């Protein structure tokens, strides 16, 4: 699983931006450069694994929920 995060107004836009960020990160990595930091709409690819191929036809997009965030626990009160 690969996770790309950023702001988008639809799943289609999110997949397009993720693909663009991936391509930019891959190009930088192949050129021996540092992977770019956050791009427009706060999109980023913090790292790539050499040799891994993306299966864009199987990619999905949806709201990101931090699985270990204290804000996701309904039984926690302040």
PDB file of N, CA and C in Angstrom:
ATOM      1  N   UNK A   1       0.846  -1.174   0.000  1.00  0.00           N
ATOM      2  CA  UNK A   1       0.000   0.000   0.000  1.00  0.00           C
ATOM      3  C   UNK A   1       0.886   1.230   0.000  1.00  0.00           C
ATOM      4  N   UNK A   2       0.485   2.208  -0.768  1.00  0.00           N
ATOM      5  CA  UNK A   2       1.155   3.504  -0.800  1.00  0.00           C
ATOM      6  C   UNK A   2       0.125   4.542  -0.375  1.00  0.00           C
ATOM      7  N   UNK A   3       0.557   5.525   0.361  1.00  0.00           N
ATOM      8  CA  UNK A   3      -0.351   6.580   0.800  1.00  0.00           C
ATOM      9  C   UNK A   3       0.226   7.922   0.361  1.00  0.00           C
ATOM     10  N   UNK A   4      -0.588   8.670  -0.364  1.00  0.00           N
ATOM     11  CA  UNK A   4      -0.265  10.035  -0.750  1.00  0.00           C
ATOM     12  C   UNK A   4      -1.336  10.904  -0.106  1.00  0.00           C
ATOM     13  N   UNK A   5      -0.945  12.009   0.455  1.00  0.00           N
ATOM     14  CA  UNK A   5      -1.936  12.877   1.091  1.00  0.00           C
ATOM     15  C   UNK A   5      -1.888  14.271   0.497  1.00  0.00           C
ATOM     16  N   UNK A   6      -3.027  14.928   0.538  1.00  0.00           N
ATOM     17  CA  UNK A   6      -3.139  16.292   0.053  1.00  0.00           C
ATOM     18  C   UNK A   6      -4.602  16.657  -0.055  1.00  0.00           C
ATOM     19  N   UNK A   7      -4.845  17.877  -0.446  1.00  0.00           N
ATOM     20  CA  UNK A   7      -6.216  18.374  -0.552  1.00  0.00           C
ATOM     21  C   UNK A   7      -6.734  18.148  -1.970  1.00  0.00           C
ATOM     22  N   UNK A   8      -8.004  17.717  -2.058  1.00  0.00           N
ATOM     23  CA  UNK A   8      -8.645  17.522  -3.357  1.00  0.00           C
ATOM     24  C   UNK A   8     -10.148  17.680  -3.192  1.00  0.00           C
ATOM     25  N   UNK A   9     -10.799  18.070  -4.271  1.00  0.00           N
ATOM     26  CA  UNK A   9     -12.250  18.246  -4.210  1.00  0.00           C
ATOM     27  C   UNK A   9     -13.022  17.018  -4.683  1.00  0.00           C
ATOM     28  N   UNK A  10     -12.306  15.975  -5.125  1.00  0.00           N
ATOM     29  CA  UNK A  10     -12.966  14.752  -5.574  1.00  0.00           C
ATOM     30  C   UNK A  10     -11.947  13.615  -5.602  1.00  0.00           C
ATOM     31  N   UNK A  11     -12.405  12.366  -5.591  1.00  0.00           N
ATOM     32  CA  UNK A  11     -11.480  11.243  -5.724  1.00  0.00           C
ATOM     33  C   UNK A  11     -10.691  11.292  -7.035  1.00  0.00           C
ATOM     34  N   UNK A  12     -11.323  11.744  -8.108  1.00  0.00           N
ATOM     35  CA  UNK A  12     -10.634  11.840  -9.395  1.00  0.00           C
ATOM     36  C   UNK A  12      -9.463  12.818  -9.310  1.00  0.00           C
ATOM     37  N   UNK A  13      -9.702  13.964  -8.696  1.00  0.00           N
ATOM     38  CA  UNK A  13      -8.636  14.956  -8.523  1.00  0.00           C
ATOM     39  C   UNK A  13      -7.542  14.396  -7.627  1.00  0.00           C
ATOM     40  N   UNK A  14      -7.926  13.702  -6.572  1.00  0.00           N
ATOM     41  CA  UNK A  14      -6.938  13.125  -5.655  1.00  0.00           C
ATOM     42  C   UNK A  14      -6.043  12.116  -6.374  1.00  0.00           C
ATOM     43  N   UNK A  15      -6.630  11.260  -7.180  1.00  0.00           N
ATOM     44  CA  UNK A  15      -5.824  10.278  -7.912  1.00  0.00           C
ATOM     45  C   UNK A  15      -4.899  10.959  -8.915  1.00  0.00           C
ATOM     46  N   UNK A  16      -5.395  11.991  -9.581  1.00  0.00           N
ATOM     47  CA  UNK A  16      -4.556  12.716 -10.538  1.00  0.00           C
ATOM     48  C   UNK A  16      -3.373  13.357  -9.833  1.00  0.00           C
ATOM     49  N   UNK A  17      -3.637  14.030  -8.698  1.00  0.00           N
ATOM     50  CA  UNK A  17      -2.560  14.699  -7.961  1.00  0.00           C
ATOM     51  C   UNK A  17      -1.565  13.674  -7.408  1.00  0.00           C
ATOM     52  N   UNK A  18      -2.063  12.555  -6.904  1.00  0.00           N
ATOM     53  CA  UNK A  18      -1.168  11.516  -6.387  1.00  0.00           C
ATOM     54  C   UNK A  18      -0.259  11.012  -7.501  1.00  0.00           C
ATOM     55  N   UNK A  19      -0.816  10.820  -8.669  1.00  0.00           N
ATOM     56  CA  UNK A  19      -0.019  10.353  -9.805  1.00  0.00           C
ATOM     57  C   UNK A  19       1.042  11.387 -10.180  1.00  0.00           C
ATOM     58  N   UNK A  20       0.661  12.665 -10.207  1.00  0.00           N
ATOM     59  CA  UNK A  20       1.614  13.731 -10.526  1.00  0.00           C
ATOM     60  C   UNK A  20       2.742  13.800  -9.502  1.00  0.00           C
ATOM     61  N   UNK A  21       2.396  13.702  -8.229  1.00  0.00           N
ATOM     62  CA  UNK A  21       3.398  13.766  -7.161  1.00  0.00           C
ATOM     63  C   UNK A  21       4.325  12.552  -7.252  1.00  0.00           C
ATOM     64  N   UNK A  22       3.757  11.399  -7.516  1.00  0.00           N
ATOM     65  CA  UNK A  22       4.568  10.192  -7.668  1.00  0.00           C
ATOM     66  C   UNK A  22       5.547  10.352  -8.819  1.00  0.00           C
ATOM     67  N   UNK A  23       5.056  10.820  -9.964  1.00  0.00           N
ATOM     68  CA  UNK A  23       5.924  10.985 -11.126  1.00  0.00           C
ATOM     69  C   UNK A  23       7.051  11.972 -10.855  1.00  0.00           C
ATOM     70  N   UNK A  24       6.751  13.071 -10.169  1.00  0.00           N
ATOM     71  CA  UNK A  24       7.786  14.059  -9.838  1.00  0.00           C
ATOM     72  C   UNK A  24       8.813  13.478  -8.876  1.00  0.00           C
ATOM     73  N   UNK A  25       8.340  12.721  -7.891  1.00  0.00           N
ATOM     74  CA  UNK A  25       9.261  12.108  -6.930  1.00  0.00           C
ATOM     75  C   UNK A  25      10.137  11.061  -7.612  1.00  0.00           C
ATOM     76  N   UNK A  26       9.538  10.265  -8.487  1.00  0.00           N
ATOM     77  CA  UNK A  26      10.301   9.242  -9.202  1.00  0.00           C
ATOM     78  C   UNK A  26      11.356   9.870 -10.102  1.00  0.00           C
ATOM     79  N   UNK A  27      10.993  10.939 -10.811  1.00  0.00           N
ATOM     80  CA  UNK A  27      11.953  11.626 -11.686  1.00  0.00           C
ATOM     81  C   UNK A  27      13.119  12.188 -10.877  1.00  0.00           C
ATOM     82  N   UNK A  28      12.820  12.783  -9.732  1.00  0.00           N
ATOM     83  CA  UNK A  28      13.881  13.329  -8.884  1.00  0.00           C
ATOM     84  C   UNK A  28      14.787  12.211  -8.372  1.00  0.00           C
ATOM     85  N   UNK A  29      14.179  11.128  -7.922  1.00  0.00           N
ATOM     86  CA  UNK A  29      14.962  10.006  -7.393  1.00  0.00           C
ATOM     87  C   UNK A  29      15.876   9.432  -8.476  1.00  0.00           C
ATOM     88  N   UNK A  30      15.349   9.261  -9.686  1.00  0.00           N
ATOM     89  CA  UNK A  30      16.140   8.697 -10.773  1.00  0.00           C
ATOM     90  C   UNK A  30      17.262   9.629 -11.214  1.00  0.00           C
ATOM     91  N   UNK A  31      17.084  10.930 -11.001  1.00  0.00           N
ATOM     92  CA  UNK A  31      18.119  11.910 -11.351  1.00  0.00           C
ATOM     93  C   UNK A  31      19.117  12.106 -10.216  1.00  0.00           C
ATOM     94  N   UNK A  32      18.927  11.374  -9.111  1.00  0.00           N
ATOM     95  CA  UNK A  32      19.824  11.504  -7.974  1.00  0.00           C
ATOM     96  C   UNK A  32      19.559  12.730  -7.123  1.00  0.00           C
ATOM     97  N   UNK A  33      18.377  13.304  -7.260  1.00  0.00           N
ATOM     98  CA  UNK A  33      18.015  14.497  -6.505  1.00  0.00           C
ATOM     99  C   UNK A  33      17.136  14.125  -5.320  1.00  0.00           C
ATOM    100  N   UNK A  34      17.005  15.065  -4.407  1.00  0.00           N
ATOM    101  CA  UNK A  34      16.120  14.882  -3.264  1.00  0.00           C
ATOM    102  C   UNK A  34      14.667  14.909  -3.738  1.00  0.00           C
ATOM    103  N   UNK A  35      13.838  14.054  -3.158  1.00  0.00           N
ATOM    104  CA  UNK A  35      12.418  14.038  -3.503  1.00  0.00           C
ATOM    105  C   UNK A  35      11.815  15.364  -3.061  1.00  0.00           C
ATOM    106  N   UNK A  36      11.038  16.006  -3.944  1.00  0.00           N
ATOM    107  CA  UNK A  36      10.460  17.313  -3.595  1.00  0.00           C
ATOM    108  C   UNK A  36       9.601  17.248  -2.336  1.00  0.00           C
ATOM    109  N   UNK A  37       9.629  18.325  -1.590  1.00  0.00           N
ATOM    110  CA  UNK A  37       8.765  18.441  -0.408  1.00  0.00           C
ATOM    111  C   UNK A  37       7.335  18.658  -0.889  1.00  0.00           C
ATOM    112  N   UNK A  38       6.519  19.155  -0.023  1.00  0.00           N
ATOM    113  CA  UNK A  38       5.113  19.367  -0.354  1.00  0.00           C
ATOM    114  C   UNK A  38       4.963  20.211  -1.616  1.00  0.00           C
ATOM    115  N   UNK A  39       4.016  19.806  -2.437  1.00  0.00           N
ATOM    116  CA  UNK A  39       3.691  20.518  -3.660  1.00  0.00           C
ATOM    117  C   UNK A  39       2.350  21.224  -3.468  1.00  0.00           C
ATOM    118  N   UNK A  40       1.834  21.897  -4.500  1.00  0.00           N
ATOM    119  CA  UNK A  40       0.552  22.593  -4.340  1.00  0.00           C
ATOM    120  C   UNK A  40      -0.534  21.700  -3.751  1.00  0.00           C
ATOM    121  N   UNK A  41      -1.436  22.279  -3.024  1.00  0.00           N
ATOM    122  CA  UNK A  41      -2.511  21.613  -2.293  1.00  0.00           C
ATOM    123  C   UNK A  41      -1.962  20.666  -1.223  1.00  0.00           C
ATOM    124  N   UNK A  42      -0.732  20.930  -0.782  1.00  0.00           N
ATOM    125  CA  UNK A  42      -0.081  20.139   0.273  1.00  0.00           C
ATOM    126  C   UNK A  42       0.141  18.678  -0.081  1.00  0.00           C
ATOM    127  N   UNK A  43       0.266  18.364  -1.363  1.00  0.00           N
ATOM    128  CA  UNK A  43       0.528  16.992  -1.771  1.00  0.00           C
ATOM    129  C   UNK A  43       2.010  16.680  -1.630  1.00  0.00           C
ATOM    130  N   UNK A  44       2.301  15.457  -1.250  1.00  0.00           N
ATOM    131  CA  UNK A  44       3.683  15.047  -1.120  1.00  0.00           C
ATOM    132  C   UNK A  44       3.837  13.541  -1.207  1.00  0.00           C
ATOM    133  N   UNK A  45       5.028  13.112  -1.505  1.00  0.00           N
ATOM    134  CA  UNK A  45       5.398  11.702  -1.533  1.00  0.00           C
ATOM    135  C   UNK A  45       6.666  11.598  -0.703  1.00  0.00           C
ATOM    136  N   UNK A  46       6.545  11.291   0.581  1.00  0.00           N
ATOM    137  CA  UNK A  46       7.709  11.332   1.454  1.00  0.00           C
ATOM    138  C   UNK A  46       8.806  10.340   1.111  1.00  0.00           C
ATOM    139  N   UNK A  47       8.521   9.348   0.322  1.00  0.00           N
ATOM    140  CA  UNK A  47       9.564   8.403  -0.052  1.00  0.00           C
ATOM    141  C   UNK A  47       9.050   7.402  -1.060  1.00  0.00           C
ATOM    142  N   UNK A  48       9.953   6.858  -1.814  1.00  0.00           N
ATOM    143  CA  UNK A  48       9.615   5.822  -2.788  1.00  0.00           C
ATOM    144  C   UNK A  48      10.495   4.618  -2.523  1.00  0.00           C
ATOM    145  N   UNK A  49       9.983   3.470  -2.830  1.00  0.00           N
ATOM    146  CA  UNK A  49      10.782   2.248  -2.710  1.00  0.00           C
ATOM    147  C   UNK A  49      11.271   1.862  -4.102  1.00  0.00           C
ATOM    148  N   UNK A  50      12.569   1.830  -4.296  1.00  0.00           N
ATOM    149  CA  UNK A  50      13.111   1.478  -5.608  1.00  0.00           C
ATOM    150  C   UNK A  50      12.578   0.120  -6.075  1.00  0.00           C
ATOM    151  N   UNK A  51      12.176   0.068  -7.332  1.00  0.00           N
ATOM    152  CA  UNK A  51      11.699  -1.169  -7.917  1.00  0.00           C
ATOM    153  C   UNK A  51      10.215  -1.438  -7.751  1.00  0.00           C
ATOM    154  N   UNK A  52       9.546  -0.688  -6.915  1.00  0.00           N
ATOM    155  CA  UNK A  52       8.102  -0.896  -6.739  1.00  0.00           C
ATOM    156  C   UNK A  52       7.378  -0.204  -7.889  1.00  0.00           C
ATOM    157  N   UNK A  53       6.445  -0.902  -8.482  1.00  0.00           N
ATOM    158  CA  UNK A  53       5.647  -0.352  -9.569  1.00  0.00           C
ATOM    159  C   UNK A  53       4.248  -0.036  -9.062  1.00  0.00           C
ATOM    160  N   UNK A  54       3.760   1.136  -9.368  1.00  0.00           N
ATOM    161  CA  UNK A  54       2.422   1.528  -8.959  1.00  0.00           C
ATOM    162  C   UNK A  54       1.392   0.886  -9.885  1.00  0.00           C
ATOM    163  N   UNK A  55       0.296   0.431  -9.323  1.00  0.00           N
ATOM    164  CA  UNK A  55      -0.819  -0.102 -10.098  1.00  0.00           C
ATOM    165  C   UNK A  55      -1.934   0.943 -10.090  1.00  0.00           C
ATOM    166  N   UNK A  56      -1.788   1.955 -10.931  1.00  0.00           N
ATOM    167  CA  UNK A  56      -2.718   3.070 -10.919  1.00  0.00           C
ATOM    168  C   UNK A  56      -4.141   2.651 -11.262  1.00  0.00           C
ATOM    169  N   UNK A  57      -4.318   1.596 -12.048  1.00  0.00           N
ATOM    170  CA  UNK A  57      -5.676   1.151 -12.380  1.00  0.00           C
ATOM    171  C   UNK A  57      -6.396   0.583 -11.164  1.00  0.00           C
ATOM    172  N   UNK A  58      -5.657   0.182 -10.142  1.00  0.00           N
ATOM    173  CA  UNK A  58      -6.261  -0.348  -8.916  1.00  0.00           C
ATOM    174  C   UNK A  58      -6.330   0.699  -7.808  1.00  0.00           C
ATOM    175  N   UNK A  59      -5.839   1.895  -8.065  1.00  0.00           N
ATOM    176  CA  UNK A  59      -5.779   2.935  -7.033  1.00  0.00           C
ATOM    177  C   UNK A  59      -7.170   3.451  -6.672  1.00  0.00           C
ATOM    178  N   UNK A  60      -7.336   3.769  -5.396  1.00  0.00           N
ATOM    179  CA  UNK A  60      -8.577   4.366  -4.903  1.00  0.00           C
ATOM    180  C   UNK A  60      -8.226   5.598  -4.080  1.00  0.00           C
ATOM    181  N   UNK A  61      -9.215   6.443  -3.865  1.00  0.00           N
ATOM    182  CA  UNK A  61      -9.012   7.658  -3.064  1.00  0.00           C
ATOM    183  C   UNK A  61     -10.183   7.840  -2.127  1.00  0.00           C
ATOM    184  N   UNK A  62      -9.897   8.388  -0.964  1.00  0.00           N
ATOM    185  CA  UNK A  62     -10.938   8.674   0.006  1.00  0.00           C
ATOM    186  C   UNK A  62     -10.382   9.537   1.109  1.00  0.00           C
ATOM    187  N   UNK A  63     -11.242   9.967   2.021  1.00  0.00           N
ATOM    188  CA  UNK A  63     -10.776  10.806   3.135  1.00  0.00           C
ATOM    189  C   UNK A  63      -9.748  10.051   3.987  1.00  0.00           C
ATOM    190  N   UNK A  64      -8.716  10.756   4.382  1.00  0.00           N
ATOM    191  CA  UNK A  64      -7.674  10.167   5.224  1.00  0.00           C
ATOM    192  C   UNK A  64      -8.107  10.250   6.673  1.00  0.00           C
ATOM    193  N   UNK A  65      -8.003   9.123   7.354  1.00  0.00           N
ATOM    194  CA  UNK A  65      -8.284   9.070   8.784  1.00  0.00           C
ATOM    195  C   UNK A  65      -7.056   8.491   9.458  1.00  0.00           C
ATOM    196  N   UNK A  66      -6.517   9.241  10.389  1.00  0.00           N
ATOM    197  CA  UNK A  66      -5.329   8.779  11.104  1.00  0.00           C
ATOM    198  C   UNK A  66      -5.745   7.661  12.051  1.00  0.00           C
ATOM    199  N   UNK A  67      -5.270   6.455  11.812  1.00  0.00           N
ATOM    200  CA  UNK A  67      -5.745   5.321  12.602  1.00  0.00           C
ATOM    201  C   UNK A  67      -5.385   5.394  14.078  1.00  0.00           C
ATOM    202  N   UNK A  68      -4.358   6.133  14.441  1.00  0.00           N
ATOM    203  CA  UNK A  68      -3.936   6.187  15.843  1.00  0.00           C
ATOM    204  C   UNK A  68      -4.123   7.570  16.457  1.00  0.00           C
ATOM    205  N   UNK A  69      -4.945   8.391  15.821  1.00  0.00           N
ATOM    206  CA  UNK A  69      -5.174   9.736  16.325  1.00  0.00           C
ATOM    207  C   UNK A  69      -6.144   9.707  17.493  1.00  0.00           C
ATOM    208  N   UNK A  70      -5.896  10.499  18.497  1.00  0.00           N
ATOM    209  CA  UNK A  70      -6.804  10.543  19.641  1.00  0.00           C
ATOM    210  C   UNK A  70      -8.163  11.099  19.243  1.00  0.00           C
ATOM    211  N   UNK A  71      -8.239  11.821  18.132  1.00  0.00           N
ATOM    212  CA  UNK A  71      -9.521  12.390  17.716  1.00  0.00           C
ATOM    213  C   UNK A  71     -10.460  11.345  17.115  1.00  0.00           C
ATOM    214  N   UNK A  72      -9.990  10.132  16.865  1.00  0.00           N
ATOM    215  CA  UNK A  72     -10.842   9.104  16.271  1.00  0.00           C
ATOM    216  C   UNK A  72     -11.525   8.252  17.331  1.00  0.00           C
ATOM    217  N   UNK A  73     -11.176   8.420  18.594  1.00  0.00           N
ATOM    218  CA  UNK A  73     -11.744   7.594  19.650  1.00  0.00           C
ATOM    219  C   UNK A  73     -12.944   8.302  20.275  1.00  0.00           C
ATOM    220  N   UNK A  74     -14.131   7.736  20.063  1.00  0.00           N
ATOM    221  CA  UNK A  74     -15.340   8.382  20.556  1.00  0.00           C
ATOM    222  C   UNK A  74     -15.497   8.258  22.067  1.00  0.00           C
ATOM    223  N   UNK A  75     -14.770   7.338  22.703  1.00  0.00           N
ATOM    224  CA  UNK A  75     -14.920   7.154  24.145  1.00  0.00           C
ATOM    225  C   UNK A  75     -13.942   8.020  24.945  1.00  0.00           C
ATOM    226  N   UNK A  76     -13.209   8.880  24.262  1.00  0.00           N
ATOM    227  CA  UNK A  76     -12.230   9.736  24.939  1.00  0.00           C
ATOM    228  C   UNK A  76     -12.839  11.120  25.152  1.00  0.00           C
ATOM    229  N   UNK A  77     -12.845  11.586  26.369  1.00  0.00           N
ATOM    230  CA  UNK A  77     -13.382  12.926  26.646  1.00  0.00           C
ATOM    231  C   UNK A  77     -12.335  13.768  27.327  1.00  0.00           C
ATOM    232  N   UNK A  78     -12.412  15.056  27.091  1.00  0.00           N
ATOM    233  CA  UNK A  78     -11.487  16.012  27.742  1.00  0.00           C
ATOM    234  C   UNK A  78     -12.169  16.699  28.873  1.00  0.00           C
TER     235      UNK A  78
END
